[in-house]
Structure formats: structure tokens, C-alpha cells
Amino acid sequence: MELLANIDVDDLEKGMAFYTAAFGLKLGRRFGTEAAELLGSTSSIYLLLKASGTKAAQVIHQTRDYRRHWTPVHLDFVVDDIRAAASRAVGAGAVLEGEIETHSWGHIAHLADPFGHGICLIEFRGRGYDEIATP
């Protein structure tokens, strides 16, 4: 099985500029003016041009809104240096939403991208999530 991450954006050029500058991703392919493939992570990330106010599916009444919003599914980018990565992301247009937190498994920074999507930066330490895994 292959996992693909899709991120709706209302401005494809702005999305490509942000994700390449913030996370060092590279443009793989463009699909006309509607989508772009970004490479450099363990999974391909696709930016999909979707206008604000459009419906995600016929049965969903909620429309796309690119103000800050919460969703139970988000992207975590695992990095070697969380402070440098957070600084790079903020410099590219992300908003750091609070202080970098420290846990037994590592550090986490909560951010929002320029399209209102929540993203996290993770810097593992020790055994990473295995520090809290139950046997």
C-alpha cells in the first residue's frame, strides 16, 4: 500500500512556494494549473487547487475555508533540529502556535500553514515514540 497526502490550497503557486521553502520539498510534477506533486518526504504530497467556498463532497454541507481550522488529520514532519525547522517554516509563512513542547519522546512544534491547515514538526529523542509504547 502507498500513502499519498493531499493538501487543498486556494493558490497553487503560493502553496508550492511555502512547502518547498518551509520543508525543503521539491516539485516533482505539475498537473496543469490544478495540482502539483511535491517530493522529498517518505510519501508524495499533492497540492490540489480548490477554491474557497467549494464543497469537498456532495454529501458534505461544509465548504472549504482557508482561515485557521482544526481537523483530526494533519501532517507531522520529522526533523533533526526542531528550532531550525520551525524558524524556516515561520520564515516561509507558517504561524507558530505556542512554544515548542518537550515530551519524553521528543519535541513538538504546532504550526499553521498559510492555508489554515495545522501541521506539526517533530524532533524525536531517545527511542522516539517507543519511549511511551506499551509492551
C-alpha atoms as a PDB file:
ATOM      1  CA  MET A   1       0.000   0.000   0.000  1.00  0.00           C
ATOM      2  CA  GLU A   2       1.172   3.518  -0.756  1.00  0.00           C
ATOM      3  CA  LEU A   3       0.141   6.613   1.183  1.00  0.00           C
ATOM      4  CA  LEU A   4      -0.374   9.898  -0.649  1.00  0.00           C
ATOM      5  CA  ALA A   5      -1.006  13.121   1.227  1.00  0.00           C
ATOM      6  CA  ASN A   6      -3.293  15.673  -0.454  1.00  0.00           C
ATOM      7  CA  ILE A   7      -3.494  19.273   0.709  1.00  0.00           C
ATOM      8  CA  ASP A   8      -6.165  21.619  -0.623  1.00  0.00           C
ATOM      9  CA  VAL A   9      -4.927  25.143  -1.317  1.00  0.00           C
ATOM     10  CA  ASP A  10      -6.625  28.164  -2.844  1.00  0.00           C
ATOM     11  CA  ASP A  11      -3.413  29.363  -4.537  1.00  0.00           C
ATOM     12  CA  LEU A  12      -1.217  26.678  -6.108  1.00  0.00           C
ATOM     13  CA  GLU A  13       1.822  28.911  -6.662  1.00  0.00           C
ATOM     14  CA  LYS A  14       1.699  30.125  -3.054  1.00  0.00           C
ATOM     15  CA  GLY A  15       1.337  26.528  -1.851  1.00  0.00           C
ATOM     16  CA  MET A  16       4.339  25.336  -3.844  1.00  0.00           C
ATOM     17  CA  ALA A  17       6.405  28.277  -2.643  1.00  0.00           C
ATOM     18  CA  PHE A  18       5.504  27.628   1.004  1.00  0.00           C
ATOM     19  CA  TYR A  19       6.010  23.852   1.112  1.00  0.00           C
ATOM     20  CA  THR A  20       9.293  23.940  -0.814  1.00  0.00           C
ATOM     21  CA  ALA A  21      10.719  26.793   1.292  1.00  0.00           C
ATOM     22  CA  ALA A  22       9.377  25.588   4.660  1.00  0.00           C
ATOM     23  CA  PHE A  23      10.236  21.896   4.387  1.00  0.00           C
ATOM     24  CA  GLY A  24      12.755  21.597   1.570  1.00  0.00           C
ATOM     25  CA  LEU A  25      10.361  19.650  -0.630  1.00  0.00           C
ATOM     26  CA  LYS A  26      10.966  19.637  -4.382  1.00  0.00           C
ATOM     27  CA  LEU A  27       8.498  19.958  -7.219  1.00  0.00           C
ATOM     28  CA  GLY A  28       8.022  16.559  -8.841  1.00  0.00           C
ATOM     29  CA  ARG A  29       5.338  17.105 -11.474  1.00  0.00           C
ATOM     30  CA  ARG A  30       2.729  19.708 -12.252  1.00  0.00           C
ATOM     31  CA  PHE A  31      -0.704  18.685 -13.373  1.00  0.00           C
ATOM     32  CA  GLY A  32      -1.629  21.744 -15.381  1.00  0.00           C
ATOM     33  CA  THR A  33      -2.940  24.548 -13.211  1.00  0.00           C
ATOM     34  CA  GLU A  34      -4.882  22.204 -10.913  1.00  0.00           C
ATOM     35  CA  ALA A  35      -2.281  20.290  -8.902  1.00  0.00           C
ATOM     36  CA  ALA A  36       1.382  19.767  -8.102  1.00  0.00           C
ATOM     37  CA  GLU A  37       3.345  16.831  -6.740  1.00  0.00           C
ATOM     38  CA  LEU A  38       5.948  17.552  -4.073  1.00  0.00           C
ATOM     39  CA  LEU A  39       8.737  15.093  -3.346  1.00  0.00           C
ATOM     40  CA  GLY A  40      11.334  14.785  -0.617  1.00  0.00           C
ATOM     41  CA  SER A  41       9.287  13.172   2.131  1.00  0.00           C
ATOM     42  CA  THR A  42       8.595   9.485   2.735  1.00  0.00           C
ATOM     43  CA  SER A  43       5.274   9.962   0.925  1.00  0.00           C
ATOM     44  CA  SER A  44       4.408  12.132  -2.040  1.00  0.00           C
ATOM     45  CA  ILE A  45       2.449  15.256  -1.171  1.00  0.00           C
ATOM     46  CA  TYR A  46      -0.010  16.649  -3.675  1.00  0.00           C
ATOM     47  CA  LEU A  47      -1.227  20.226  -3.573  1.00  0.00           C
ATOM     48  CA  LEU A  48      -4.715  20.463  -5.064  1.00  0.00           C
ATOM     49  CA  LEU A  49      -6.137  23.769  -6.208  1.00  0.00           C
ATOM     50  CA  LYS A  50      -9.604  24.068  -4.656  1.00  0.00           C
ATOM     51  CA  ALA A  51     -11.423  27.376  -4.441  1.00  0.00           C
ATOM     52  CA  SER A  52     -12.588  28.684  -1.106  1.00  0.00           C
ATOM     53  CA  GLY A  53     -16.305  28.111  -0.647  1.00  0.00           C
ATOM     54  CA  THR A  54     -16.450  24.904  -2.700  1.00  0.00           C
ATOM     55  CA  LYS A  55     -17.782  21.657  -1.251  1.00  0.00           C
ATOM     56  CA  ALA A  56     -15.373  18.789  -0.609  1.00  0.00           C
ATOM     57  CA  ALA A  57     -18.046  16.194  -1.459  1.00  0.00           C
ATOM     58  CA  GLN A  58     -21.692  16.187  -2.476  1.00  0.00           C
ATOM     59  CA  VAL A  59     -22.889  14.863   0.879  1.00  0.00           C
ATOM     60  CA  ILE A  60     -20.893  17.349   2.961  1.00  0.00           C
ATOM     61  CA  HIS A  61     -22.598  20.664   3.665  1.00  0.00           C
ATOM     62  CA  GLN A  62     -19.461  22.352   4.948  1.00  0.00           C
ATOM     63  CA  THR A  63     -17.431  24.286   2.393  1.00  0.00           C
ATOM     64  CA  ARG A  64     -13.700  24.848   2.113  1.00  0.00           C
ATOM     65  CA  ASP A  65     -12.407  27.695   4.227  1.00  0.00           C
ATOM     66  CA  TYR A  66      -8.752  28.652   4.322  1.00  0.00           C
ATOM     67  CA  ARG A  67      -8.854  30.515   7.617  1.00  0.00           C
ATOM     68  CA  ARG A  68      -7.255  28.602  10.504  1.00  0.00           C
ATOM     69  CA  HIS A  69      -9.303  25.484  11.126  1.00  0.00           C
ATOM     70  CA  TRP A  70      -8.919  22.243  13.018  1.00  0.00           C
ATOM     71  CA  THR A  71      -9.068  18.753  11.608  1.00  0.00           C
ATOM     72  CA  PRO A  72      -8.286  15.457  13.315  1.00  0.00           C
ATOM     73  CA  VAL A  73      -5.943  14.527  10.454  1.00  0.00           C
ATOM     74  CA  HIS A  74      -2.790  16.539   9.892  1.00  0.00           C
ATOM     75  CA  LEU A  75       0.800  16.208   8.721  1.00  0.00           C
ATOM     76  CA  ASP A  76       3.784  15.730  11.020  1.00  0.00           C
ATOM     77  CA  PHE A  77       7.207  16.494   9.574  1.00  0.00           C
ATOM     78  CA  VAL A  78      10.008  14.688  11.442  1.00  0.00           C
ATOM     79  CA  VAL A  79      13.084  16.914  11.601  1.00  0.00           C
ATOM     80  CA  ASP A  80      16.590  16.726  13.063  1.00  0.00           C
ATOM     81  CA  ASP A  81      16.629  20.255  14.539  1.00  0.00           C
ATOM     82  CA  ILE A  82      13.196  21.498  15.594  1.00  0.00           C
ATOM     83  CA  ARG A  83      14.240  25.078  16.319  1.00  0.00           C
ATOM     84  CA  ALA A  84      15.892  25.498  12.914  1.00  0.00           C
ATOM     85  CA  ALA A  85      12.958  23.788  11.175  1.00  0.00           C
ATOM     86  CA  ALA A  86      10.397  25.956  12.991  1.00  0.00           C
ATOM     87  CA  SER A  87      12.342  29.087  12.106  1.00  0.00           C
ATOM     88  CA  ARG A  88      12.477  28.025   8.454  1.00  0.00           C
ATOM     89  CA  ALA A  89       8.731  27.263   8.371  1.00  0.00           C
ATOM     90  CA  VAL A  90       7.835  30.579  10.018  1.00  0.00           C
ATOM     91  CA  GLY A  91      10.126  32.387   7.589  1.00  0.00           C
ATOM     92  CA  ALA A  92       8.221  30.741   4.737  1.00  0.00           C
ATOM     93  CA  GLY A  93       4.838  31.887   6.099  1.00  0.00           C
ATOM     94  CA  ALA A  94       3.775  29.409   8.808  1.00  0.00           C
ATOM     95  CA  VAL A  95       2.456  30.588  12.163  1.00  0.00           C
ATOM     96  CA  LEU A  96       3.974  29.008  15.278  1.00  0.00           C
ATOM     97  CA  GLU A  97       1.061  28.310  17.608  1.00  0.00           C
ATOM     98  CA  GLY A  98       2.699  28.314  21.026  1.00  0.00           C
ATOM     99  CA  GLU A  99       6.050  27.318  22.445  1.00  0.00           C
ATOM    100  CA  ILE A 100       7.929  24.237  21.315  1.00  0.00           C
ATOM    101  CA  GLU A 101       6.928  21.482  23.748  1.00  0.00           C
ATOM    102  CA  THR A 102       9.177  18.823  25.242  1.00  0.00           C
ATOM    103  CA  HIS A 103       7.952  15.299  25.994  1.00  0.00           C
ATOM    104  CA  SER A 104       9.675  12.048  26.933  1.00  0.00           C
ATOM    105  CA  TRP A 105       9.672  11.025  23.264  1.00  0.00           C
ATOM    106  CA  GLY A 106      10.954  14.344  21.895  1.00  0.00           C
ATOM    107  CA  HIS A 107       9.928  17.864  20.922  1.00  0.00           C
ATOM    108  CA  ILE A 108       6.876  19.123  19.038  1.00  0.00           C
ATOM    109  CA  ALA A 109       6.047  22.452  17.423  1.00  0.00           C
ATOM    110  CA  HIS A 110       2.454  23.179  16.422  1.00  0.00           C
ATOM    111  CA  LEU A 111       2.094  25.403  13.362  1.00  0.00           C
ATOM    112  CA  ALA A 112      -0.474  26.522  10.828  1.00  0.00           C
ATOM    113  CA  ASP A 113       0.382  26.787   7.147  1.00  0.00           C
ATOM    114  CA  PRO A 114      -0.737  29.837   5.111  1.00  0.00           C
ATOM    115  CA  PHE A 115      -3.938  27.950   4.179  1.00  0.00           C
ATOM    116  CA  GLY A 116      -5.132  27.375   7.747  1.00  0.00           C
ATOM    117  CA  HIS A 117      -4.043  23.725   7.920  1.00  0.00           C
ATOM    118  CA  GLY A 118      -2.445  22.530  11.148  1.00  0.00           C
ATOM    119  CA  ILE A 119       0.967  20.915  10.807  1.00  0.00           C
ATOM    120  CA  CYS A 120       3.466  19.724  13.376  1.00  0.00           C
ATOM    121  CA  LEU A 121       7.211  19.449  13.485  1.00  0.00           C
ATOM    122  CA  ILE A 122       8.543  16.520  15.489  1.00  0.00           C
ATOM    123  CA  GLU A 123      12.109  16.019  16.708  1.00  0.00           C
ATOM    124  CA  PHE A 124      12.442  12.601  18.287  1.00  0.00           C
ATOM    125  CA  ARG A 125      14.863  11.946  21.122  1.00  0.00           C
ATOM    126  CA  GLY A 126      15.906   8.705  22.746  1.00  0.00           C
ATOM    127  CA  ARG A 127      13.759   5.937  21.291  1.00  0.00           C
ATOM    128  CA  GLY A 128      11.108   8.335  19.932  1.00  0.00           C
ATOM    129  CA  TYR A 129       7.546   7.090  20.399  1.00  0.00           C
ATOM    130  CA  ASP A 130       8.951   3.822  21.739  1.00  0.00           C
ATOM    131  CA  GLU A 131       9.616   5.791  24.942  1.00  0.00           C
ATOM    132  CA  ILE A 132       5.867   5.703  25.624  1.00  0.00           C
ATOM    133  CA  ALA A 133       4.860   2.497  23.790  1.00  0.00           C
ATOM    134  CA  THR A 134       3.201  -0.192  25.876  1.00  0.00           C
ATOM    135  CA  PRO A 135       4.754  -3.659  25.545  1.00  0.00           C
END
